[in-house]
Amino acid sequence: MTARQAITVATPVLPEKMIDRLAAQFALNAPPTAPMPAAEAVADARRRGAQALLVSVQNRLDAAAIDALPDTLRIIATVSVGTDHIDLAAAARRGIVVSNTPGVLDACNADLTWLLILGAARRAAEAMDYIRRGTALCPLLGTRVSGRSLGIWGMGRIGREVARRATGFGMQVLYHNRNRLPPQGEQGALFCPDRADFLARSQILTLHMPASAATDGIIDAGVFAALPPGAIFINAARGSLVDEDALLAALGSGHLAGAGLDVFRNEPDLDPRLSNHPRIFALPHIGSATVETRGAMAAMAIDNVEAVLSGAPAPTAVT
């Protein structure tokens, strides 16, 4: 009998039925209950001669880790849209395909963005503290969302989904992008090519741009200062986009009324100044964390593995 191809599963995000799908075809390691450190994932792949490595954003694979992977490895399939946790250049040098899972989490991430908007504006984290202390009386006043201006920085698939949902709140929607979209793709939003003008008009600013060397720390003290007083800041994209010290300073000065964050610069580690701040409505990177979306993402990642290990191109390859 021909030995089955080996796969290393380094992420705990695969639903059980997707693990079963893999196990029916391939030789798997015991699926982890927490993200495997890179050294552990590499060791498992080397020990078993793995041909595929399944990861998520919690698995950091730098050049050293990728260089240490066995020559048998043909694909790294990440259960995520973003790939900033993988050194793509190192993978390309090794001839290793990297695939992601675009498209399937757009609606889910947009829904989560609106949870952040409403939670930050209405001071939900602070209000919940009153409930936990046993009182249903809360004197806090939040910020109205309906009728305000919403600035979307990055009008890709998720940004457009966020804009579509804003129509129900009667908001003026603005967007800042490298290029203007065709009118049918703008969802009624107004294109603002000038960044300063865009920021000055955004009472609520939400980020939907990819992480890269060019965007690292792009949201700095100057950006926060350019927003109108009392603005709300939202990030469900990537933590590396934001200078977190500048964010804390803008909140501390009162220039920002609040922030809603689902992502952080040093994940999984969390700066306690952020997690304990009364004006930050924080969530632990759950933008895609629904049964439906995680299942679809896992299925797409496995589609890529099956394709490459059968000799076909990966449907959603990024290298």
C-alpha atoms as a PDB file:
ATOM      1  CA  MET A   1       0.000   0.000   0.000  1.00  0.00           C
ATOM      2  CA  THR A   2       1.309   3.468  -0.906  1.00  0.00           C
ATOM      3  CA  ALA A   3       2.064   5.635   2.125  1.00  0.00           C
ATOM      4  CA  ARG A   4      -0.286   8.571   2.520  1.00  0.00           C
ATOM      5  CA  GLN A   5       1.083  12.079   2.062  1.00  0.00           C
ATOM      6  CA  ALA A   6       1.888  13.774   5.366  1.00  0.00           C
ATOM      7  CA  ILE A   7       0.449  17.110   6.471  1.00  0.00           C
ATOM      8  CA  THR A   8       1.338  19.205   9.508  1.00  0.00           C
ATOM      9  CA  VAL A   9      -1.629  21.047  11.023  1.00  0.00           C
ATOM     10  CA  ALA A  10      -0.200  23.894  13.128  1.00  0.00           C
ATOM     11  CA  THR A  11      -3.420  25.788  13.860  1.00  0.00           C
ATOM     12  CA  PRO A  12      -6.395  24.960  16.100  1.00  0.00           C
ATOM     13  CA  VAL A  13      -8.918  26.853  13.954  1.00  0.00           C
ATOM     14  CA  LEU A  14      -9.962  23.939  11.718  1.00  0.00           C
ATOM     15  CA  PRO A  15     -13.466  22.639  12.527  1.00  0.00           C
ATOM     16  CA  GLU A  16     -13.691  18.952  13.386  1.00  0.00           C
ATOM     17  CA  LYS A  17     -15.358  18.008  10.114  1.00  0.00           C
ATOM     18  CA  MET A  18     -12.478  19.628   8.218  1.00  0.00           C
ATOM     19  CA  ILE A  19      -9.977  17.640  10.267  1.00  0.00           C
ATOM     20  CA  ASP A  20     -11.969  14.544   9.312  1.00  0.00           C
ATOM     21  CA  ARG A  21     -11.794  15.559   5.646  1.00  0.00           C
ATOM     22  CA  LEU A  22      -8.015  15.802   5.861  1.00  0.00           C
ATOM     23  CA  ALA A  23      -7.626  12.603   7.871  1.00  0.00           C
ATOM     24  CA  ALA A  24      -9.548  10.652   5.246  1.00  0.00           C
ATOM     25  CA  GLN A  25      -6.866  11.462   2.665  1.00  0.00           C
ATOM     26  CA  PHE A  26      -3.630  12.350   4.430  1.00  0.00           C
ATOM     27  CA  ALA A  27      -1.448  11.392   7.387  1.00  0.00           C
ATOM     28  CA  LEU A  28      -1.925  14.090  10.048  1.00  0.00           C
ATOM     29  CA  ASN A  29      -0.264  15.036  13.294  1.00  0.00           C
ATOM     30  CA  ALA A  30      -2.534  15.299  16.317  1.00  0.00           C
ATOM     31  CA  PRO A  31      -4.364  18.618  15.702  1.00  0.00           C
ATOM     32  CA  PRO A  32      -3.152  21.195  18.247  1.00  0.00           C
ATOM     33  CA  THR A  33      -5.376  22.891  20.803  1.00  0.00           C
ATOM     34  CA  ALA A  34      -3.263  26.069  20.605  1.00  0.00           C
ATOM     35  CA  PRO A  35      -1.171  27.553  17.788  1.00  0.00           C
ATOM     36  CA  MET A  36       2.044  25.564  17.388  1.00  0.00           C
ATOM     37  CA  PRO A  37       5.232  27.606  17.765  1.00  0.00           C
ATOM     38  CA  ALA A  38       7.179  27.792  14.526  1.00  0.00           C
ATOM     39  CA  ALA A  39       9.963  25.561  15.837  1.00  0.00           C
ATOM     40  CA  GLU A  40       7.469  22.872  16.807  1.00  0.00           C
ATOM     41  CA  ALA A  41       5.682  23.021  13.454  1.00  0.00           C
ATOM     42  CA  VAL A  42       8.990  22.815  11.590  1.00  0.00           C
ATOM     43  CA  ALA A  43      10.117  19.870  13.731  1.00  0.00           C
ATOM     44  CA  ASP A  44       6.903  17.966  13.039  1.00  0.00           C
ATOM     45  CA  ALA A  45       7.113  18.670   9.310  1.00  0.00           C
ATOM     46  CA  ARG A  46      10.738  17.514   9.192  1.00  0.00           C
ATOM     47  CA  ARG A  47      10.131  14.403  11.277  1.00  0.00           C
ATOM     48  CA  ARG A  48       7.254  13.202   9.106  1.00  0.00           C
ATOM     49  CA  GLY A  49       8.377  14.574   5.744  1.00  0.00           C
ATOM     50  CA  ALA A  50       5.269  16.745   5.473  1.00  0.00           C
ATOM     51  CA  GLN A  51       4.199  17.997   2.065  1.00  0.00           C
ATOM     52  CA  ALA A  52       1.761  20.612   3.371  1.00  0.00           C
ATOM     53  CA  LEU A  53       1.624  22.925   6.372  1.00  0.00           C
ATOM     54  CA  LEU A  54      -1.685  24.405   7.528  1.00  0.00           C
ATOM     55  CA  VAL A  55      -1.417  27.621   9.561  1.00  0.00           C
ATOM     56  CA  SER A  56      -3.373  30.728  10.581  1.00  0.00           C
ATOM     57  CA  VAL A  57      -2.420  34.296  11.517  1.00  0.00           C
ATOM     58  CA  GLN A  58      -1.275  33.082  14.939  1.00  0.00           C
ATOM     59  CA  ASN A  59       1.511  31.026  13.348  1.00  0.00           C
ATOM     60  CA  ARG A  60       4.503  33.256  12.583  1.00  0.00           C
ATOM     61  CA  LEU A  61       6.765  31.834   9.894  1.00  0.00           C
ATOM     62  CA  ASP A  62       9.828  33.993   9.336  1.00  0.00           C
ATOM     63  CA  ALA A  63      12.611  33.308   6.854  1.00  0.00           C
ATOM     64  CA  ALA A  64      14.530  31.151   9.325  1.00  0.00           C
ATOM     65  CA  ALA A  65      11.505  28.932   9.944  1.00  0.00           C
ATOM     66  CA  ILE A  66      10.754  28.581   6.242  1.00  0.00           C
ATOM     67  CA  ASP A  67      14.378  27.807   5.436  1.00  0.00           C
ATOM     68  CA  ALA A  68      14.244  25.014   8.035  1.00  0.00           C
ATOM     69  CA  LEU A  69      11.200  23.309   6.493  1.00  0.00           C
ATOM     70  CA  PRO A  70      11.891  19.974   4.794  1.00  0.00           C
ATOM     71  CA  ASP A  71      12.483  19.720   1.060  1.00  0.00           C
ATOM     72  CA  THR A  72       9.301  17.645   0.864  1.00  0.00           C
ATOM     73  CA  LEU A  73       7.120  20.650   1.732  1.00  0.00           C
ATOM     74  CA  ARG A  74       5.144  21.937  -1.254  1.00  0.00           C
ATOM     75  CA  ILE A  75       2.502  24.278   0.182  1.00  0.00           C
ATOM     76  CA  ILE A  76       1.822  26.482   3.190  1.00  0.00           C
ATOM     77  CA  ALA A  77      -1.947  27.018   3.348  1.00  0.00           C
ATOM     78  CA  THR A  78      -3.019  29.779   5.714  1.00  0.00           C
ATOM     79  CA  VAL A  79      -6.574  29.930   7.021  1.00  0.00           C
ATOM     80  CA  SER A  80      -6.659  33.713   6.628  1.00  0.00           C
ATOM     81  CA  VAL A  81      -6.771  36.438   4.024  1.00  0.00           C
ATOM     82  CA  GLY A  82      -3.717  38.248   5.343  1.00  0.00           C
ATOM     83  CA  THR A  83      -0.293  36.721   4.814  1.00  0.00           C
ATOM     84  CA  ASP A  84       1.893  39.123   6.793  1.00  0.00           C
ATOM     85  CA  HIS A  85       2.660  36.328   9.278  1.00  0.00           C
ATOM     86  CA  ILE A  86       4.521  34.431   6.532  1.00  0.00           C
ATOM     87  CA  ASP A  87       7.766  35.497   4.855  1.00  0.00           C
ATOM     88  CA  LEU A  88       6.509  35.215   1.285  1.00  0.00           C
ATOM     89  CA  ALA A  89       9.879  35.984  -0.266  1.00  0.00           C
ATOM     90  CA  ALA A  90      11.499  33.146   1.681  1.00  0.00           C
ATOM     91  CA  ALA A  91       8.741  30.766   0.605  1.00  0.00           C
ATOM     92  CA  ALA A  92       9.135  31.821  -3.020  1.00  0.00           C
ATOM     93  CA  ARG A  93      12.888  31.201  -2.854  1.00  0.00           C
ATOM     94  CA  ARG A  94      12.184  27.679  -1.638  1.00  0.00           C
ATOM     95  CA  GLY A  95       9.585  27.105  -4.335  1.00  0.00           C
ATOM     96  CA  ILE A  96       6.893  26.631  -1.689  1.00  0.00           C
ATOM     97  CA  VAL A  97       3.381  27.698  -2.674  1.00  0.00           C
ATOM     98  CA  VAL A  98       1.574  29.926  -0.170  1.00  0.00           C
ATOM     99  CA  SER A  99      -2.220  30.137  -0.393  1.00  0.00           C
ATOM    100  CA  ASN A 100      -4.795  32.183   1.498  1.00  0.00           C
ATOM    101  CA  THR A 101      -8.590  32.298   1.845  1.00  0.00           C
ATOM    102  CA  PRO A 102      -9.916  35.479   0.179  1.00  0.00           C
ATOM    103  CA  GLY A 103     -13.540  36.444  -0.202  1.00  0.00           C
ATOM    104  CA  VAL A 104     -15.232  34.144   2.289  1.00  0.00           C
ATOM    105  CA  LEU A 105     -14.841  36.345   5.373  1.00  0.00           C
ATOM    106  CA  ASP A 106     -15.800  39.741   3.935  1.00  0.00           C
ATOM    107  CA  ALA A 107     -19.349  39.871   5.310  1.00  0.00           C
ATOM    108  CA  CYS A 108     -18.343  38.436   8.671  1.00  0.00           C
ATOM    109  CA  ASN A 109     -15.537  40.955   9.141  1.00  0.00           C
ATOM    110  CA  ALA A 110     -17.835  43.804   8.132  1.00  0.00           C
ATOM    111  CA  ASP A 111     -20.387  42.661  10.719  1.00  0.00           C
ATOM    112  CA  LEU A 112     -17.646  42.646  13.349  1.00  0.00           C
ATOM    113  CA  THR A 113     -16.582  46.147  12.297  1.00  0.00           C
ATOM    114  CA  TRP A 114     -20.064  47.372  13.079  1.00  0.00           C
ATOM    115  CA  LEU A 115     -19.948  45.696  16.475  1.00  0.00           C
ATOM    116  CA  LEU A 116     -16.760  47.676  17.146  1.00  0.00           C
ATOM    117  CA  ILE A 117     -18.302  50.920  15.879  1.00  0.00           C
ATOM    118  CA  LEU A 118     -21.379  50.600  18.063  1.00  0.00           C
ATOM    119  CA  GLY A 119     -19.475  49.263  21.060  1.00  0.00           C
ATOM    120  CA  ALA A 120     -16.912  52.061  20.981  1.00  0.00           C
ATOM    121  CA  ALA A 121     -19.381  54.854  20.282  1.00  0.00           C
ATOM    122  CA  ARG A 122     -21.865  53.785  22.957  1.00  0.00           C
ATOM    123  CA  ARG A 123     -19.147  52.981  25.536  1.00  0.00           C
ATOM    124  CA  ALA A 124     -20.270  49.369  25.780  1.00  0.00           C
ATOM    125  CA  ALA A 125     -17.191  48.103  27.633  1.00  0.00           C
ATOM    126  CA  GLU A 126     -17.677  50.670  30.391  1.00  0.00           C
ATOM    127  CA  ALA A 127     -21.416  50.049  30.521  1.00  0.00           C
ATOM    128  CA  MET A 128     -20.892  46.298  30.919  1.00  0.00           C
ATOM    129  CA  ASP A 129     -18.819  47.012  34.014  1.00  0.00           C
ATOM    130  CA  TYR A 130     -21.965  48.414  35.636  1.00  0.00           C
ATOM    131  CA  ILE A 131     -23.832  45.195  34.832  1.00  0.00           C
ATOM    132  CA  ARG A 132     -21.011  43.096  36.289  1.00  0.00           C
ATOM    133  CA  ARG A 133     -21.119  45.215  39.448  1.00  0.00           C
ATOM    134  CA  GLY A 134     -24.802  44.371  39.764  1.00  0.00           C
ATOM    135  CA  THR A 135     -26.497  47.585  38.701  1.00  0.00           C
ATOM    136  CA  ALA A 136     -28.670  48.362  35.687  1.00  0.00           C
ATOM    137  CA  LEU A 137     -28.296  52.114  36.131  1.00  0.00           C
ATOM    138  CA  CYS A 138     -25.505  53.702  34.096  1.00  0.00           C
ATOM    139  CA  PRO A 139     -24.823  57.462  33.903  1.00  0.00           C
ATOM    140  CA  LEU A 140     -22.425  57.234  30.939  1.00  0.00           C
ATOM    141  CA  LEU A 141     -23.181  59.105  27.740  1.00  0.00           C
ATOM    142  CA  GLY A 142     -21.877  57.759  24.460  1.00  0.00           C
ATOM    143  CA  THR A 143     -21.756  59.099  20.928  1.00  0.00           C
ATOM    144  CA  ARG A 144     -24.566  58.786  18.416  1.00  0.00           C
ATOM    145  CA  VAL A 145     -23.692  56.739  15.321  1.00  0.00           C
ATOM    146  CA  SER A 146     -26.615  57.378  12.992  1.00  0.00           C
ATOM    147  CA  GLY A 147     -26.311  60.502  10.875  1.00  0.00           C
ATOM    148  CA  ARG A 148     -22.567  60.875  11.404  1.00  0.00           C
ATOM    149  CA  SER A 149     -19.779  60.643   8.845  1.00  0.00           C
ATOM    150  CA  LEU A 150     -17.960  57.345   8.380  1.00  0.00           C
ATOM    151  CA  GLY A 151     -14.493  57.340   6.818  1.00  0.00           C
ATOM    152  CA  ILE A 152     -13.366  54.026   5.325  1.00  0.00           C
ATOM    153  CA  TRP A 153      -9.618  53.851   4.716  1.00  0.00           C
ATOM    154  CA  GLY A 154      -9.198  51.008   2.246  1.00  0.00           C
ATOM    155  CA  MET A 155     -12.210  50.305   0.022  1.00  0.00           C
ATOM    156  CA  GLY A 156     -11.573  46.678  -0.858  1.00  0.00           C
ATOM    157  CA  ARG A 157     -14.102  43.895  -0.461  1.00  0.00           C
ATOM    158  CA  ILE A 158     -14.479  44.332   3.296  1.00  0.00           C
ATOM    159  CA  GLY A 159     -14.543  48.126   3.085  1.00  0.00           C
ATOM    160  CA  ARG A 160     -17.362  47.942   0.551  1.00  0.00           C
ATOM    161  CA  GLU A 161     -19.333  45.609   2.826  1.00  0.00           C
ATOM    162  CA  VAL A 162     -18.903  48.075   5.690  1.00  0.00           C
ATOM    163  CA  ALA A 163     -20.121  50.911   3.451  1.00  0.00           C
ATOM    164  CA  ARG A 164     -23.172  48.917   2.394  1.00  0.00           C
ATOM    165  CA  ARG A 165     -24.186  48.435   6.026  1.00  0.00           C
ATOM    166  CA  ALA A 166     -23.735  52.142   6.759  1.00  0.00           C
ATOM    167  CA  THR A 167     -26.679  53.074   4.558  1.00  0.00           C
ATOM    168  CA  GLY A 168     -29.061  51.754   7.206  1.00  0.00           C
ATOM    169  CA  PHE A 169     -27.619  54.231   9.686  1.00  0.00           C
ATOM    170  CA  GLY A 170     -28.166  57.228   7.411  1.00  0.00           C
ATOM    171  CA  MET A 171     -24.465  58.064   7.434  1.00  0.00           C
ATOM    172  CA  GLN A 172     -22.371  60.110   5.061  1.00  0.00           C
ATOM    173  CA  VAL A 173     -19.783  57.576   3.903  1.00  0.00           C
ATOM    174  CA  LEU A 174     -16.361  58.698   2.665  1.00  0.00           C
ATOM    175  CA  TYR A 175     -13.490  56.556   1.473  1.00  0.00           C
ATOM    176  CA  HIS A 176      -9.783  56.963   0.894  1.00  0.00           C
ATOM    177  CA  ASN A 177      -8.111  54.543  -1.481  1.00  0.00           C
ATOM    178  CA  ARG A 178      -5.174  54.354  -3.856  1.00  0.00           C
ATOM    179  CA  ASN A 179      -7.643  54.611  -6.732  1.00  0.00           C
ATOM    180  CA  ARG A 180     -11.252  55.581  -7.142  1.00  0.00           C
ATOM    181  CA  LEU A 181     -13.639  52.681  -7.615  1.00  0.00           C
ATOM    182  CA  PRO A 182     -16.120  52.453 -10.494  1.00  0.00           C
ATOM    183  CA  PRO A 183     -19.389  54.138  -9.452  1.00  0.00           C
ATOM    184  CA  GLN A 184     -21.193  50.805  -9.128  1.00  0.00           C
ATOM    185  CA  GLY A 185     -18.613  49.669  -6.568  1.00  0.00           C
ATOM    186  CA  GLU A 186     -18.699  52.750  -4.355  1.00  0.00           C
ATOM    187  CA  GLN A 187     -21.861  51.797  -2.438  1.00  0.00           C
ATOM    188  CA  GLY A 188     -22.845  55.470  -2.500  1.00  0.00           C
ATOM    189  CA  ALA A 189     -19.627  56.528  -0.746  1.00  0.00           C
ATOM    190  CA  LEU A 190     -17.732  59.696  -1.648  1.00  0.00           C
ATOM    191  CA  PHE A 191     -14.134  59.266  -2.829  1.00  0.00           C
ATOM    192  CA  CYS A 192     -11.665  61.527  -1.000  1.00  0.00           C
ATOM    193  CA  PRO A 193      -8.280  61.416  -2.755  1.00  0.00           C
ATOM    194  CA  ASP A 194      -6.752  63.967  -0.384  1.00  0.00           C
ATOM    195  CA  ARG A 195      -5.862  62.261   2.890  1.00  0.00           C
ATOM    196  CA  ALA A 196      -6.006  65.397   5.025  1.00  0.00           C
ATOM    197  CA  ASP A 197      -9.466  66.286   3.728  1.00  0.00           C
ATOM    198  CA  PHE A 198     -10.647  62.699   4.245  1.00  0.00           C
ATOM    199  CA  LEU A 199      -9.463  62.595   7.844  1.00  0.00           C
ATOM    200  CA  ALA A 200     -10.863  66.021   8.718  1.00  0.00           C
ATOM    201  CA  ARG A 201     -14.321  64.867   7.585  1.00  0.00           C
ATOM    202  CA  SER A 202     -14.302  61.416   9.250  1.00  0.00           C
ATOM    203  CA  GLN A 203     -16.137  61.454  12.570  1.00  0.00           C
ATOM    204  CA  ILE A 204     -15.700  57.681  12.657  1.00  0.00           C
ATOM    205  CA  LEU A 205     -12.592  56.248  10.983  1.00  0.00           C
ATOM    206  CA  THR A 206     -12.365  52.537  10.170  1.00  0.00           C
ATOM    207  CA  LEU A 207      -9.343  50.773   8.650  1.00  0.00           C
ATOM    208  CA  HIS A 208      -9.567  48.120   5.937  1.00  0.00           C
ATOM    209  CA  MET A 209      -6.131  48.071   4.339  1.00  0.00           C
ATOM    210  CA  PRO A 210      -3.616  45.213   4.174  1.00  0.00           C
ATOM    211  CA  ALA A 211      -0.505  45.037   6.318  1.00  0.00           C
ATOM    212  CA  SER A 212       2.802  45.600   4.556  1.00  0.00           C
ATOM    213  CA  ALA A 213       6.127  47.319   5.096  1.00  0.00           C
ATOM    214  CA  ALA A 214       4.613  50.437   3.518  1.00  0.00           C
ATOM    215  CA  THR A 215       1.619  50.527   5.880  1.00  0.00           C
ATOM    216  CA  ASP A 216       3.411  49.620   9.121  1.00  0.00           C
ATOM    217  CA  GLY A 217       2.555  52.325  11.661  1.00  0.00           C
ATOM    218  CA  ILE A 218       0.734  54.401   9.044  1.00  0.00           C
ATOM    219  CA  ILE A 219      -1.848  55.428  11.645  1.00  0.00           C
ATOM    220  CA  ASP A 220       0.298  57.722  13.757  1.00  0.00           C
ATOM    221  CA  ALA A 221      -0.054  60.840  15.889  1.00  0.00           C
ATOM    222  CA  GLY A 222      -0.502  62.991  12.791  1.00  0.00           C
ATOM    223  CA  VAL A 223      -3.427  60.910  11.593  1.00  0.00           C
ATOM    224  CA  PHE A 224      -5.174  61.038  14.955  1.00  0.00           C
ATOM    225  CA  ALA A 225      -4.616  64.800  15.214  1.00  0.00           C
ATOM    226  CA  ALA A 226      -6.163  65.284  11.763  1.00  0.00           C
ATOM    227  CA  LEU A 227      -9.447  63.666  12.819  1.00  0.00           C
ATOM    228  CA  PRO A 228     -12.178  65.949  14.174  1.00  0.00           C
ATOM    229  CA  PRO A 229     -12.387  66.287  17.966  1.00  0.00           C
ATOM    230  CA  GLY A 230     -14.467  63.514  19.486  1.00  0.00           C
ATOM    231  CA  ALA A 231     -13.803  61.069  16.649  1.00  0.00           C
ATOM    232  CA  ILE A 232     -14.085  57.298  17.009  1.00  0.00           C
ATOM    233  CA  PHE A 233     -11.276  55.059  15.700  1.00  0.00           C
ATOM    234  CA  ILE A 234     -11.878  51.476  14.536  1.00  0.00           C
ATOM    235  CA  ASN A 235      -9.390  48.787  13.524  1.00  0.00           C
ATOM    236  CA  ALA A 236     -10.468  45.303  12.450  1.00  0.00           C
ATOM    237  CA  ALA A 237      -7.722  45.026   9.823  1.00  0.00           C
ATOM    238  CA  ARG A 238      -4.197  44.524  11.200  1.00  0.00           C
ATOM    239  CA  GLY A 239      -2.557  45.699  14.409  1.00  0.00           C
ATOM    240  CA  SER A 240       0.690  46.640  12.681  1.00  0.00           C
ATOM    241  CA  LEU A 241      -1.072  49.530  10.947  1.00  0.00           C
ATOM    242  CA  VAL A 242      -1.327  51.499  14.186  1.00  0.00           C
ATOM    243  CA  ASP A 243       1.146  53.306  16.421  1.00  0.00           C
ATOM    244  CA  GLU A 244      -0.463  52.170  19.664  1.00  0.00           C
ATOM    245  CA  ASP A 245       1.359  54.781  21.768  1.00  0.00           C
ATOM    246  CA  ALA A 246      -0.099  57.494  19.540  1.00  0.00           C
ATOM    247  CA  LEU A 247      -3.562  55.954  19.898  1.00  0.00           C
ATOM    248  CA  LEU A 248      -3.286  55.967  23.678  1.00  0.00           C
ATOM    249  CA  ALA A 249      -2.097  59.576  23.638  1.00  0.00           C
ATOM    250  CA  ALA A 250      -5.043  60.659  21.476  1.00  0.00           C
ATOM    251  CA  LEU A 251      -7.463  58.924  23.835  1.00  0.00           C
ATOM    252  CA  GLY A 252      -5.711  60.350  26.881  1.00  0.00           C
ATOM    253  CA  SER A 253      -5.941  63.901  25.579  1.00  0.00           C
ATOM    254  CA  GLY A 254      -9.649  63.494  24.869  1.00  0.00           C
ATOM    255  CA  HIS A 255      -9.183  64.217  21.163  1.00  0.00           C
ATOM    256  CA  LEU A 256     -10.512  60.733  20.422  1.00  0.00           C
ATOM    257  CA  ALA A 257     -13.770  59.823  22.140  1.00  0.00           C
ATOM    258  CA  GLY A 258     -13.135  56.108  21.848  1.00  0.00           C
ATOM    259  CA  ALA A 259     -11.694  53.230  19.881  1.00  0.00           C
ATOM    260  CA  GLY A 260     -12.826  49.779  18.834  1.00  0.00           C
ATOM    261  CA  LEU A 261     -10.061  47.228  18.256  1.00  0.00           C
ATOM    262  CA  ASP A 262     -10.116  43.609  17.119  1.00  0.00           C
ATOM    263  CA  VAL A 263      -6.409  43.483  16.235  1.00  0.00           C
ATOM    264  CA  PHE A 264      -3.203  44.438  18.030  1.00  0.00           C
ATOM    265  CA  ARG A 265       0.415  45.011  17.104  1.00  0.00           C
ATOM    266  CA  ASN A 266       1.996  42.248  19.184  1.00  0.00           C
ATOM    267  CA  GLU A 267      -0.616  39.491  18.995  1.00  0.00           C
ATOM    268  CA  PRO A 268      -1.143  37.222  20.815  1.00  0.00           C
ATOM    269  CA  ASP A 269       0.461  39.394  23.516  1.00  0.00           C
ATOM    270  CA  LEU A 270      -1.717  42.317  24.518  1.00  0.00           C
ATOM    271  CA  ASP A 271      -0.577  45.644  25.931  1.00  0.00           C
ATOM    272  CA  PRO A 272      -2.512  46.050  29.214  1.00  0.00           C
ATOM    273  CA  ARG A 273      -2.772  49.777  28.549  1.00  0.00           C
ATOM    274  CA  LEU A 274      -5.092  48.850  25.680  1.00  0.00           C
ATOM    275  CA  SER A 275      -7.026  46.026  27.315  1.00  0.00           C
ATOM    276  CA  ASN A 276      -7.638  48.044  30.496  1.00  0.00           C
ATOM    277  CA  HIS A 277      -8.423  51.387  28.872  1.00  0.00           C
ATOM    278  CA  PRO A 278     -12.006  52.443  29.646  1.00  0.00           C
ATOM    279  CA  ARG A 279     -12.507  54.046  26.233  1.00  0.00           C
ATOM    280  CA  ILE A 280     -11.303  51.070  24.176  1.00  0.00           C
ATOM    281  CA  PHE A 281     -13.852  48.448  23.186  1.00  0.00           C
ATOM    282  CA  ALA A 282     -11.504  45.522  22.559  1.00  0.00           C
ATOM    283  CA  LEU A 283     -12.064  42.055  21.116  1.00  0.00           C
ATOM    284  CA  PRO A 284      -9.510  39.220  20.722  1.00  0.00           C
ATOM    285  CA  HIS A 285      -9.176  39.097  16.904  1.00  0.00           C
ATOM    286  CA  ILE A 286     -12.506  37.397  16.222  1.00  0.00           C
ATOM    287  CA  GLY A 287     -13.311  39.046  12.884  1.00  0.00           C
ATOM    288  CA  SER A 288     -13.826  35.719  11.110  1.00  0.00           C
ATOM    289  CA  ALA A 289     -14.849  33.702  14.172  1.00  0.00           C
ATOM    290  CA  THR A 290     -18.217  32.305  13.190  1.00  0.00           C
ATOM    291  CA  VAL A 291     -19.062  28.685  12.487  1.00  0.00           C
ATOM    292  CA  GLU A 292     -20.014  29.496   8.905  1.00  0.00           C
ATOM    293  CA  THR A 293     -17.002  31.625   8.021  1.00  0.00           C
ATOM    294  CA  ARG A 294     -14.319  29.560   9.733  1.00  0.00           C
ATOM    295  CA  GLY A 295     -15.762  26.468   8.055  1.00  0.00           C
ATOM    296  CA  ALA A 296     -15.618  28.122   4.635  1.00  0.00           C
ATOM    297  CA  MET A 297     -12.067  29.363   5.238  1.00  0.00           C
ATOM    298  CA  ALA A 298     -10.890  25.924   6.325  1.00  0.00           C
ATOM    299  CA  ALA A 299     -12.535  24.331   3.295  1.00  0.00           C
ATOM    300  CA  MET A 300     -10.760  26.771   0.976  1.00  0.00           C
ATOM    301  CA  ALA A 301      -7.403  26.102   2.629  1.00  0.00           C
ATOM    302  CA  ILE A 302      -7.927  22.363   2.213  1.00  0.00           C
ATOM    303  CA  ASP A 303      -8.964  22.874  -1.419  1.00  0.00           C
ATOM    304  CA  ASN A 304      -5.540  24.439  -1.972  1.00  0.00           C
ATOM    305  CA  VAL A 305      -3.732  21.583  -0.232  1.00  0.00           C
ATOM    306  CA  GLU A 306      -5.622  18.960  -2.209  1.00  0.00           C
ATOM    307  CA  ALA A 307      -4.895  20.738  -5.474  1.00  0.00           C
ATOM    308  CA  VAL A 308      -1.157  21.132  -4.934  1.00  0.00           C
ATOM    309  CA  LEU A 309      -0.636  17.620  -3.587  1.00  0.00           C
ATOM    310  CA  SER A 310      -2.469  16.219  -6.608  1.00  0.00           C
ATOM    311  CA  GLY A 311      -0.215  18.169  -8.975  1.00  0.00           C
ATOM    312  CA  ALA A 312      -2.651  20.991  -9.806  1.00  0.00           C
ATOM    313  CA  PRO A 313      -2.212  24.749  -9.195  1.00  0.00           C
ATOM    314  CA  ALA A 314      -3.460  26.168  -5.897  1.00  0.00           C
ATOM    315  CA  PRO A 315      -6.785  27.975  -6.555  1.00  0.00           C
ATOM    316  CA  THR A 316      -5.859  30.948  -4.348  1.00  0.00           C
ATOM    317  CA  ALA A 317      -2.056  31.004  -4.446  1.00  0.00           C
ATOM    318  CA  VAL A 318      -0.267  34.201  -3.392  1.00  0.00           C
ATOM    319  CA  THR A 319       3.235  32.977  -4.336  1.00  0.00           C
END
